[in-house]
Amino acid sequence: MNSSSATSARNLSAFVFDAYGTLFDVHSVAAAAEAAYPGRGAELSRVWRAKQLEYTWLQSLMATQSLPREDFTAVTAHALDYAAAALGVGMDAPQRARLLAAYSVLSPFPDVRGALQALAPRPRWILSNGTLGMLTPLVHAAGLDGLLDGILSVDAADIYKPSPRVYALAVDQLQLPPAQIGFVSSNCWDAIGAKAFGFTTFWINRAGAPVDRHGPAPDAIIASLAELPTV
């Protein structure tokens, strides 16, 4: 574990988690992609995810009254269409529907349940780019309903992360100072955005990647969620 300050998860009053990539493995869709496109599943999953994130940032910047922000369901579909075109693979309507449906049953990482249990009874919320319509069945399918106190979607702020308006949703819900809220994400850019807002941030760096340079570094960098309760 690396940390930029004396950060302790024990001293925090509540925890807020990113969903996609943090609690749920976005690349578990690779199995469905591989079934559709043998030998190309992992590649499709990587391009799909990269474009999905890129579109959230672009839509936040481009949004106007005449061109409103689309929700994460639409962005995810656009990114899939791009990935299939970029890889030059054909995609009929049933294949597309099956791949999009895979986002409702993403696999939770194996360290999720234990970490959420260990952080109880403190409030544990999701704060995600996803819609409530995407996240609610995902949490239910993973059997995590009883380990989370609720779900916050960026739709309530009408902008995507890392806008401060998104992180403010957690402060409004929990009625706590930002520094008393532990924000947990496997996306470094997200952890940095949350740190800039004022949260105490934990970056789950499963891949051993370098820290992004566009803002203040996360308070703590750990390799898995299993480390979080004992940081």
Protein backbone atom coordinates (compact mmCIF):
# COMPACT_ATOMS: atom_id res chain seq x y z
CA MET A 1 0.00 0.00 0.00
CA ASN A 2 1.22 3.43 -0.90
CA SER A 3 -0.30 6.56 0.55
CA SER A 4 0.30 10.25 0.17
CA SER A 5 -0.90 10.99 3.71
CA ALA A 6 -1.68 9.26 6.99
CA THR A 7 -4.98 7.86 5.75
CA SER A 8 -7.04 5.45 7.84
CA ALA A 9 -10.26 3.84 6.69
CA ARG A 10 -11.14 3.31 10.36
CA ASN A 11 -11.48 7.06 10.97
CA LEU A 12 -14.04 7.65 8.21
CA SER A 13 -17.79 7.90 8.76
CA ALA A 14 -19.06 6.49 5.45
CA PHE A 15 -17.84 4.99 2.19
CA VAL A 16 -18.86 5.64 -1.39
CA PHE A 17 -17.87 3.25 -4.16
CA ASP A 18 -17.59 3.55 -7.89
CA ALA A 19 -19.39 0.60 -9.48
CA TYR A 20 -17.95 -0.23 -12.89
CA GLY A 21 -14.41 -1.54 -12.61
CA THR A 22 -14.37 -1.13 -8.82
CA LEU A 23 -17.10 -3.41 -7.49
CA PHE A 24 -17.94 -5.06 -10.81
CA ASP A 25 -15.56 -6.37 -13.44
CA VAL A 26 -16.49 -4.57 -16.67
CA HIS A 27 -14.37 -7.02 -18.63
CA SER A 28 -16.51 -9.97 -17.56
CA VAL A 29 -18.45 -9.06 -20.73
CA ALA A 30 -15.49 -10.53 -22.60
CA ALA A 31 -17.02 -14.01 -22.21
CA ALA A 32 -20.16 -12.95 -24.06
CA ALA A 33 -18.04 -11.09 -26.61
CA GLU A 34 -15.86 -14.14 -27.13
CA ALA A 35 -18.91 -16.30 -27.74
CA ALA A 36 -20.05 -13.85 -30.42
CA TYR A 37 -16.59 -13.24 -31.90
CA PRO A 38 -14.17 -16.10 -31.17
CA GLY A 39 -10.65 -14.83 -30.65
CA ARG A 40 -11.77 -11.19 -30.44
CA GLY A 41 -13.71 -11.05 -27.17
CA ALA A 42 -11.05 -9.49 -24.95
CA GLU A 43 -10.14 -6.97 -27.62
CA LEU A 44 -13.77 -5.96 -28.12
CA SER A 45 -14.21 -5.55 -24.37
CA ARG A 46 -11.17 -3.26 -24.12
CA VAL A 47 -12.22 -1.00 -26.99
CA TRP A 48 -15.81 -0.94 -25.74
CA ARG A 49 -14.80 0.17 -22.24
CA ALA A 50 -12.30 2.79 -23.44
CA LYS A 51 -14.86 4.36 -25.76
CA GLN A 52 -17.58 4.19 -23.11
CA LEU A 53 -15.49 6.34 -20.75
CA GLU A 54 -14.41 8.71 -23.52
CA TYR A 55 -18.02 9.32 -24.50
CA THR A 56 -19.00 10.22 -20.92
CA TRP A 57 -16.36 12.94 -20.83
CA LEU A 58 -17.25 14.24 -24.28
CA GLN A 59 -20.97 14.28 -23.56
CA SER A 60 -20.38 16.25 -20.36
CA LEU A 61 -18.39 18.85 -22.29
CA MET A 62 -20.75 19.03 -25.27
CA ALA A 63 -24.12 19.08 -23.51
CA THR A 64 -26.44 21.95 -24.43
CA GLN A 65 -30.19 22.51 -24.37
CA SER A 66 -30.38 21.43 -27.99
CA LEU A 67 -28.01 18.47 -27.45
CA PRO A 68 -28.65 17.13 -23.95
CA ARG A 69 -26.44 14.57 -22.25
CA GLU A 70 -27.44 10.98 -22.96
CA ASP A 71 -27.58 8.52 -20.09
CA PHE A 72 -25.13 5.68 -19.51
CA THR A 73 -27.37 3.12 -21.16
CA ALA A 74 -27.20 5.06 -24.43
CA VAL A 75 -23.47 5.79 -24.06
CA THR A 76 -22.74 2.12 -23.47
CA ALA A 77 -24.65 1.17 -26.61
CA HIS A 78 -22.87 3.82 -28.70
CA ALA A 79 -19.51 2.58 -27.44
CA LEU A 80 -20.37 -1.02 -28.34
CA ASP A 81 -21.39 0.02 -31.85
CA TYR A 82 -18.08 1.85 -32.23
CA ALA A 83 -16.06 -1.10 -30.93
CA ALA A 84 -17.68 -3.52 -33.39
CA ALA A 85 -17.06 -1.10 -36.27
CA ALA A 86 -13.46 -0.44 -35.19
CA LEU A 87 -12.70 -4.16 -35.07
CA GLY A 88 -14.53 -4.77 -38.35
CA VAL A 89 -16.84 -7.43 -36.94
CA GLY A 90 -20.45 -7.71 -37.96
CA MET A 91 -23.08 -7.32 -35.26
CA ASP A 92 -26.73 -8.19 -35.77
CA ALA A 93 -29.53 -7.09 -33.45
CA PRO A 94 -29.61 -10.29 -31.32
CA GLN A 95 -25.83 -10.19 -30.79
CA ARG A 96 -26.01 -6.53 -29.82
CA ALA A 97 -28.84 -7.19 -27.38
CA ARG A 98 -26.95 -10.08 -25.74
CA LEU A 99 -23.80 -8.00 -25.28
CA LEU A 100 -25.68 -5.05 -23.82
CA ALA A 101 -27.57 -7.40 -21.50
CA ALA A 102 -24.23 -8.64 -20.17
CA TYR A 103 -23.86 -5.29 -18.40
CA SER A 104 -26.76 -6.27 -16.11
CA VAL A 105 -24.92 -9.34 -14.83
CA LEU A 106 -21.32 -8.19 -14.56
CA SER A 107 -19.31 -10.31 -12.14
CA PRO A 108 -18.39 -8.69 -8.82
CA PHE A 109 -14.72 -8.87 -7.95
CA PRO A 110 -14.00 -11.63 -5.42
CA ASP A 111 -12.86 -9.15 -2.75
CA VAL A 112 -16.07 -7.08 -2.82
CA ARG A 113 -18.27 -8.97 -0.38
CA GLY A 114 -15.64 -9.28 2.35
CA ALA A 115 -14.67 -5.60 2.12
CA LEU A 116 -18.27 -4.38 2.31
CA GLN A 117 -18.97 -6.64 5.28
CA ALA A 118 -15.85 -5.44 7.11
CA LEU A 119 -16.83 -1.77 6.69
CA ALA A 120 -20.26 -2.26 8.29
CA PRO A 121 -22.13 -0.71 10.03
CA ARG A 122 -20.92 2.50 8.41
CA PRO A 123 -22.98 3.64 5.42
CA ARG A 124 -21.83 2.15 2.12
CA TRP A 125 -23.19 3.69 -1.07
CA ILE A 126 -22.55 3.38 -4.80
CA LEU A 127 -21.95 6.59 -6.77
CA SER A 128 -21.82 5.71 -10.44
CA ASN A 129 -22.13 6.92 -14.00
CA GLY A 130 -24.68 4.17 -14.47
CA THR A 131 -28.42 4.69 -14.41
CA LEU A 132 -30.50 3.34 -11.55
CA GLY A 133 -32.10 1.05 -14.11
CA MET A 134 -28.70 -0.47 -14.87
CA LEU A 135 -27.30 -0.54 -11.35
CA THR A 136 -30.24 -1.86 -9.33
CA PRO A 137 -30.52 -5.21 -11.16
CA LEU A 138 -26.73 -5.49 -11.25
CA VAL A 139 -26.46 -5.15 -7.47
CA HIS A 140 -29.34 -7.59 -7.03
CA ALA A 141 -27.88 -10.17 -9.41
CA ALA A 142 -24.60 -10.08 -7.46
CA GLY A 143 -26.43 -10.55 -4.14
CA LEU A 144 -25.06 -7.31 -2.69
CA ASP A 145 -28.38 -5.70 -1.76
CA GLY A 146 -27.87 -6.28 1.96
CA LEU A 147 -24.31 -4.94 1.94
CA LEU A 148 -25.06 -1.55 0.39
CA ASP A 149 -27.22 1.22 1.80
CA GLY A 150 -28.15 2.72 -1.55
CA ILE A 151 -27.22 3.76 -5.06
CA LEU A 152 -26.57 7.26 -6.38
CA SER A 153 -26.56 7.87 -10.12
CA VAL A 154 -24.99 10.81 -11.94
CA ASP A 155 -28.37 11.26 -13.60
CA ALA A 156 -29.42 13.27 -10.53
CA ALA A 157 -26.70 15.81 -11.41
CA ASP A 158 -27.16 15.52 -15.21
CA ILE A 159 -23.41 15.28 -15.81
CA TYR A 160 -20.79 12.56 -15.66
CA LYS A 161 -17.80 12.09 -13.39
CA PRO A 162 -15.45 13.72 -12.59
CA SER A 163 -17.70 16.77 -12.29
CA PRO A 164 -17.86 18.13 -8.71
CA ARG A 165 -21.65 18.15 -9.09
CA VAL A 166 -21.57 14.36 -9.10
CA TYR A 167 -19.49 14.03 -5.95
CA ALA A 168 -21.75 16.57 -4.22
CA LEU A 169 -24.60 14.04 -4.50
CA ALA A 170 -22.88 11.89 -1.86
CA VAL A 171 -22.37 14.83 0.50
CA ASP A 172 -26.03 15.79 0.15
CA GLN A 173 -27.16 12.22 0.79
CA LEU A 174 -24.87 11.46 3.72
CA GLN A 175 -24.87 14.94 5.30
CA LEU A 176 -21.18 14.61 6.14
CA PRO A 177 -18.14 16.78 5.39
CA PRO A 178 -16.35 15.46 2.28
CA ALA A 179 -13.20 14.56 4.22
CA GLN A 180 -15.22 12.19 6.43
CA ILE A 181 -16.35 10.23 3.38
CA GLY A 182 -14.07 7.58 1.94
CA PHE A 183 -14.37 7.46 -1.85
CA VAL A 184 -13.20 4.23 -3.47
CA SER A 185 -12.51 3.76 -7.18
CA SER A 186 -10.38 1.60 -9.45
CA ASN A 187 -10.30 4.48 -11.95
CA CYS A 188 -7.45 6.81 -11.05
CA TRP A 189 -9.03 9.77 -12.85
CA ASP A 190 -12.15 9.24 -10.73
CA ALA A 191 -10.20 9.01 -7.46
CA ILE A 192 -8.37 12.21 -8.42
CA GLY A 193 -11.64 13.97 -9.22
CA ALA A 194 -13.05 12.90 -5.86
CA LYS A 195 -9.89 14.06 -4.08
CA ALA A 196 -10.10 17.45 -5.78
CA PHE A 197 -13.67 17.69 -4.49
CA GLY A 198 -12.50 17.00 -0.94
CA PHE A 199 -13.17 13.32 -0.30
CA THR A 200 -10.65 11.01 1.35
CA THR A 201 -9.83 8.81 -1.61
CA PHE A 202 -8.66 5.25 -2.12
CA TRP A 203 -7.48 4.13 -5.54
CA ILE A 204 -7.77 0.38 -6.13
CA ASN A 205 -4.80 -0.10 -8.44
CA ARG A 206 -5.22 -3.73 -9.46
CA ALA A 207 -3.01 -3.37 -12.55
CA GLY A 208 -0.05 -1.61 -10.93
CA ALA A 209 -0.51 1.44 -13.17
CA PRO A 210 1.19 4.80 -12.59
CA VAL A 211 -0.75 7.63 -10.97
CA ASP A 212 -2.42 10.07 -13.35
CA ARG A 213 -1.01 13.59 -13.29
CA HIS A 214 -4.01 15.84 -13.93
CA GLY A 215 -4.91 16.56 -10.29
CA PRO A 216 -4.15 15.77 -6.66
CA ALA A 217 -3.05 12.20 -6.03
CA PRO A 218 -5.37 9.83 -4.16
CA ASP A 219 -4.84 9.63 -0.41
CA ALA A 220 -4.10 5.92 -0.55
CA ILE A 221 -3.24 3.46 -3.29
CA ILE A 222 -4.02 -0.19 -2.62
CA ALA A 223 -3.97 -3.30 -4.75
CA SER A 224 -7.38 -4.69 -3.84
CA LEU A 225 -10.56 -3.96 -1.95
CA ALA A 226 -9.49 -6.56 0.60
CA GLU A 227 -6.88 -4.09 1.87
CA LEU A 228 -9.36 -1.28 2.40
CA PRO A 229 -10.74 -2.13 5.87
CA THR A 230 -7.23 -2.41 7.31
CA VAL A 231 -5.56 0.58 5.64
